[in-house]
Amino acid sequence: MKILTIGQLGKKAQVNVETIRYYERRGLMPEPPRSESGYRHYTEDSIARIQFIKRAKELGFSLKEILDLLSLRVDPDTTCADVKRMAEVKIADIEEKICALQRIKEALTKLRAECKGRGPAGKCPILEALYTKEGRSQY
């Protein structure tokens, strides 16, 4: 089994060495054994783990959720249904965020329509709506 330094691991996994250290502090990566001189020793399995973390992040999972996914992966009592439930929760979360972003877009679109783009900034309807209590409740 080939031993990798943190620099080699970072290069192969295409992440910064500080990212690897951060993942270790957060518990996403196990603390690796060290050489007598204190250098971390990683295996090829570490590359796959970092790639798992990166792919899960791309799907919108938080680091806490990724830690949960990693725990499920090694728990012998976990079923695919458990993992599916996590995916369903994440999908619902994403749908909620999409709705919130749509509301924000609609509010900004209304504010943009009210602004003629002329006059002093202090009289801009966009700034006025953001500054006044009435404007916030309106959007």
C-alpha atoms as a PDB file:
ATOM      1  CA  MET A   1       0.000   0.000   0.000  1.00  0.00           C
ATOM      2  CA  LYS A   2       1.426   3.329  -1.092  1.00  0.00           C
ATOM      3  CA  ILE A   3       1.852   5.964   1.606  1.00  0.00           C
ATOM      4  CA  LEU A   4       1.048   9.556   0.653  1.00  0.00           C
ATOM      5  CA  THR A   5       2.099  12.801   2.289  1.00  0.00           C
ATOM      6  CA  ILE A   6      -0.521  15.487   2.817  1.00  0.00           C
ATOM      7  CA  GLY A   7       0.860  17.359  -0.189  1.00  0.00           C
ATOM      8  CA  GLN A   8       0.633  14.297  -2.410  1.00  0.00           C
ATOM      9  CA  LEU A   9      -2.888  13.588  -1.186  1.00  0.00           C
ATOM     10  CA  GLY A  10      -3.938  17.172  -1.843  1.00  0.00           C
ATOM     11  CA  LYS A  11      -2.537  17.031  -5.354  1.00  0.00           C
ATOM     12  CA  LYS A  12      -4.170  13.688  -6.194  1.00  0.00           C
ATOM     13  CA  ALA A  13      -7.513  14.677  -4.647  1.00  0.00           C
ATOM     14  CA  GLN A  14      -7.288  18.208  -6.081  1.00  0.00           C
ATOM     15  CA  VAL A  15      -7.753  19.997  -2.773  1.00  0.00           C
ATOM     16  CA  ASN A  16      -5.613  22.322  -0.733  1.00  0.00           C
ATOM     17  CA  VAL A  17      -3.677  20.796   2.179  1.00  0.00           C
ATOM     18  CA  GLU A  18      -5.510  23.190   4.505  1.00  0.00           C
ATOM     19  CA  THR A  19      -8.773  21.639   3.300  1.00  0.00           C
ATOM     20  CA  ILE A  20      -7.487  18.207   4.326  1.00  0.00           C
ATOM     21  CA  ARG A  21      -6.486  19.512   7.752  1.00  0.00           C
ATOM     22  CA  TYR A  22      -9.901  21.167   8.091  1.00  0.00           C
ATOM     23  CA  TYR A  23     -11.678  17.926   7.171  1.00  0.00           C
ATOM     24  CA  GLU A  24      -9.615  16.151   9.827  1.00  0.00           C
ATOM     25  CA  ARG A  25     -10.567  18.730  12.480  1.00  0.00           C
ATOM     26  CA  ARG A  26     -14.250  18.366  11.518  1.00  0.00           C
ATOM     27  CA  GLY A  27     -14.063  14.563  11.708  1.00  0.00           C
ATOM     28  CA  LEU A  28     -14.669  14.009   7.987  1.00  0.00           C
ATOM     29  CA  MET A  29     -11.212  12.496   7.580  1.00  0.00           C
ATOM     30  CA  PRO A  30      -9.784  10.164  10.197  1.00  0.00           C
ATOM     31  CA  GLU A  31      -6.644  11.318  11.938  1.00  0.00           C
ATOM     32  CA  PRO A  32      -3.868   9.646   9.945  1.00  0.00           C
ATOM     33  CA  PRO A  33      -0.921   7.856  11.486  1.00  0.00           C
ATOM     34  CA  ARG A  34       2.257   9.903  11.633  1.00  0.00           C
ATOM     35  CA  SER A  35       5.872   9.170  10.945  1.00  0.00           C
ATOM     36  CA  GLU A  36       8.454   9.465  13.720  1.00  0.00           C
ATOM     37  CA  SER A  37       9.164  12.977  12.451  1.00  0.00           C
ATOM     38  CA  GLY A  38       5.440  13.897  12.687  1.00  0.00           C
ATOM     39  CA  TYR A  39       4.461  13.795   9.022  1.00  0.00           C
ATOM     40  CA  ARG A  40       0.978  12.561   8.276  1.00  0.00           C
ATOM     41  CA  HIS A  41       0.756   9.301   6.316  1.00  0.00           C
ATOM     42  CA  TYR A  42      -2.262   8.750   4.104  1.00  0.00           C
ATOM     43  CA  THR A  43      -3.362   5.826   1.955  1.00  0.00           C
ATOM     44  CA  GLU A  44      -5.065   5.747  -1.441  1.00  0.00           C
ATOM     45  CA  ASP A  45      -8.372   5.288   0.428  1.00  0.00           C
ATOM     46  CA  SER A  46      -8.034   8.901   1.563  1.00  0.00           C
ATOM     47  CA  ILE A  47      -8.324  10.059  -2.045  1.00  0.00           C
ATOM     48  CA  ALA A  48     -11.655   8.252  -2.439  1.00  0.00           C
ATOM     49  CA  ARG A  49     -12.921   9.732   0.837  1.00  0.00           C
ATOM     50  CA  ILE A  50     -12.066  13.271  -0.224  1.00  0.00           C
ATOM     51  CA  GLN A  51     -13.725  12.679  -3.594  1.00  0.00           C
ATOM     52  CA  PHE A  52     -16.837  11.441  -1.745  1.00  0.00           C
ATOM     53  CA  ILE A  53     -16.841  14.640   0.324  1.00  0.00           C
ATOM     54  CA  LYS A  54     -16.399  16.819  -2.771  1.00  0.00           C
ATOM     55  CA  ARG A  55     -19.217  15.086  -4.665  1.00  0.00           C
ATOM     56  CA  ALA A  56     -21.545  15.320  -1.678  1.00  0.00           C
ATOM     57  CA  LYS A  57     -20.774  19.048  -1.373  1.00  0.00           C
ATOM     58  CA  GLU A  58     -21.572  19.482  -5.077  1.00  0.00           C
ATOM     59  CA  LEU A  59     -24.992  17.957  -4.361  1.00  0.00           C
ATOM     60  CA  GLY A  60     -25.576  20.572  -1.678  1.00  0.00           C
ATOM     61  CA  PHE A  61     -24.885  18.539   1.447  1.00  0.00           C
ATOM     62  CA  SER A  62     -23.373  20.456   4.349  1.00  0.00           C
ATOM     63  CA  LEU A  63     -20.252  19.151   6.059  1.00  0.00           C
ATOM     64  CA  LYS A  64     -22.430  17.991   8.989  1.00  0.00           C
ATOM     65  CA  GLU A  65     -24.686  16.104   6.589  1.00  0.00           C
ATOM     66  CA  ILE A  66     -21.654  14.610   4.854  1.00  0.00           C
ATOM     67  CA  LEU A  67     -20.364  13.419   8.214  1.00  0.00           C
ATOM     68  CA  ASP A  68     -23.758  11.764   8.747  1.00  0.00           C
ATOM     69  CA  LEU A  69     -23.561  10.141   5.297  1.00  0.00           C
ATOM     70  CA  LEU A  70     -20.075   8.850   6.044  1.00  0.00           C
ATOM     71  CA  SER A  71     -21.334   7.435   9.346  1.00  0.00           C
ATOM     72  CA  LEU A  72     -24.240   5.726   7.611  1.00  0.00           C
ATOM     73  CA  ARG A  73     -21.829   4.189   5.130  1.00  0.00           C
ATOM     74  CA  VAL A  74     -19.917   2.320   7.829  1.00  0.00           C
ATOM     75  CA  ASP A  75     -22.853   1.487  10.120  1.00  0.00           C
ATOM     76  CA  PRO A  76     -23.788  -2.166   9.539  1.00  0.00           C
ATOM     77  CA  ASP A  77     -27.384  -1.471  10.612  1.00  0.00           C
ATOM     78  CA  THR A  78     -27.907   1.222   7.979  1.00  0.00           C
ATOM     79  CA  THR A  79     -30.099   0.450   4.993  1.00  0.00           C
ATOM     80  CA  CYS A  80     -30.485   2.119   1.628  1.00  0.00           C
ATOM     81  CA  ALA A  81     -33.800   3.450   2.936  1.00  0.00           C
ATOM     82  CA  ASP A  82     -31.899   5.442   5.584  1.00  0.00           C
ATOM     83  CA  VAL A  83     -29.711   7.012   2.925  1.00  0.00           C
ATOM     84  CA  LYS A  84     -32.723   7.646   0.694  1.00  0.00           C
ATOM     85  CA  ARG A  85     -34.448   9.483   3.566  1.00  0.00           C
ATOM     86  CA  MET A  86     -31.426  11.790   3.864  1.00  0.00           C
ATOM     87  CA  ALA A  87     -31.601  12.482   0.128  1.00  0.00           C
ATOM     88  CA  GLU A  88     -35.329  13.213   0.384  1.00  0.00           C
ATOM     89  CA  VAL A  89     -34.735  15.661   3.248  1.00  0.00           C
ATOM     90  CA  LYS A  90     -32.039  17.373   1.177  1.00  0.00           C
ATOM     91  CA  ILE A  91     -34.358  17.596  -1.840  1.00  0.00           C
ATOM     92  CA  ALA A  92     -37.061  19.197   0.317  1.00  0.00           C
ATOM     93  CA  ASP A  93     -34.491  21.662   1.660  1.00  0.00           C
ATOM     94  CA  ILE A  94     -33.395  22.545  -1.875  1.00  0.00           C
ATOM     95  CA  GLU A  95     -37.012  23.029  -2.994  1.00  0.00           C
ATOM     96  CA  GLU A  96     -37.584  25.365  -0.043  1.00  0.00           C
ATOM     97  CA  LYS A  97     -34.497  27.372  -0.976  1.00  0.00           C
ATOM     98  CA  ILE A  98     -35.647  27.588  -4.592  1.00  0.00           C
ATOM     99  CA  CYS A  99     -39.015  29.007  -3.422  1.00  0.00           C
ATOM    100  CA  ALA A 100     -37.246  31.529  -1.193  1.00  0.00           C
ATOM    101  CA  LEU A 101     -34.967  32.582  -4.046  1.00  0.00           C
ATOM    102  CA  GLN A 102     -37.989  32.952  -6.328  1.00  0.00           C
ATOM    103  CA  ARG A 103     -39.654  35.246  -3.756  1.00  0.00           C
ATOM    104  CA  ILE A 104     -36.458  37.308  -3.529  1.00  0.00           C
ATOM    105  CA  LYS A 105     -36.271  37.567  -7.313  1.00  0.00           C
ATOM    106  CA  GLU A 106     -39.900  38.707  -7.529  1.00  0.00           C
ATOM    107  CA  ALA A 107     -39.355  41.344  -4.841  1.00  0.00           C
ATOM    108  CA  LEU A 108     -36.238  42.670  -6.530  1.00  0.00           C
ATOM    109  CA  THR A 109     -37.985  42.688  -9.891  1.00  0.00           C
ATOM    110  CA  LYS A 110     -40.801  44.812  -8.413  1.00  0.00           C
ATOM    111  CA  LEU A 111     -38.310  47.196  -6.824  1.00  0.00           C
ATOM    112  CA  ARG A 112     -36.341  47.493 -10.053  1.00  0.00           C
ATOM    113  CA  ALA A 113     -39.547  48.353 -11.932  1.00  0.00           C
ATOM    114  CA  GLU A 114     -40.270  51.173  -9.468  1.00  0.00           C
ATOM    115  CA  CYS A 115     -36.840  52.727  -9.975  1.00  0.00           C
ATOM    116  CA  LYS A 116     -36.569  55.027 -12.998  1.00  0.00           C
ATOM    117  CA  GLY A 117     -32.771  55.148 -12.725  1.00  0.00           C
ATOM    118  CA  ARG A 118     -32.749  58.943 -12.404  1.00  0.00           C
ATOM    119  CA  GLY A 119     -32.337  61.343  -9.507  1.00  0.00           C
ATOM    120  CA  PRO A 120     -30.308  61.209  -6.319  1.00  0.00           C
ATOM    121  CA  ALA A 121     -29.645  57.851  -4.663  1.00  0.00           C
ATOM    122  CA  GLY A 122     -31.293  59.104  -1.470  1.00  0.00           C
ATOM    123  CA  LYS A 123     -34.622  59.151  -3.327  1.00  0.00           C
ATOM    124  CA  CYS A 124     -34.159  55.777  -5.021  1.00  0.00           C
ATOM    125  CA  PRO A 125     -37.244  53.592  -4.418  1.00  0.00           C
ATOM    126  CA  ILE A 126     -35.026  50.523  -4.042  1.00  0.00           C
ATOM    127  CA  LEU A 127     -33.035  52.076  -1.205  1.00  0.00           C
ATOM    128  CA  GLU A 128     -36.161  53.548   0.328  1.00  0.00           C
ATOM    129  CA  ALA A 129     -37.867  50.144   0.366  1.00  0.00           C
ATOM    130  CA  LEU A 130     -34.841  48.568   2.010  1.00  0.00           C
ATOM    131  CA  TYR A 131     -34.523  51.368   4.558  1.00  0.00           C
ATOM    132  CA  THR A 132     -38.119  51.804   5.673  1.00  0.00           C
ATOM    133  CA  LYS A 133     -40.222  49.404   7.666  1.00  0.00           C
ATOM    134  CA  GLU A 134     -43.071  49.846   5.204  1.00  0.00           C
ATOM    135  CA  GLY A 135     -40.844  48.811   2.302  1.00  0.00           C
ATOM    136  CA  ARG A 136     -39.704  45.620   3.987  1.00  0.00           C
ATOM    137  CA  SER A 137     -43.207  44.437   4.773  1.00  0.00           C
ATOM    138  CA  GLN A 138     -44.309  45.294   1.258  1.00  0.00           C
ATOM    139  CA  TYR A 139     -41.852  42.816  -0.285  1.00  0.00           C
END
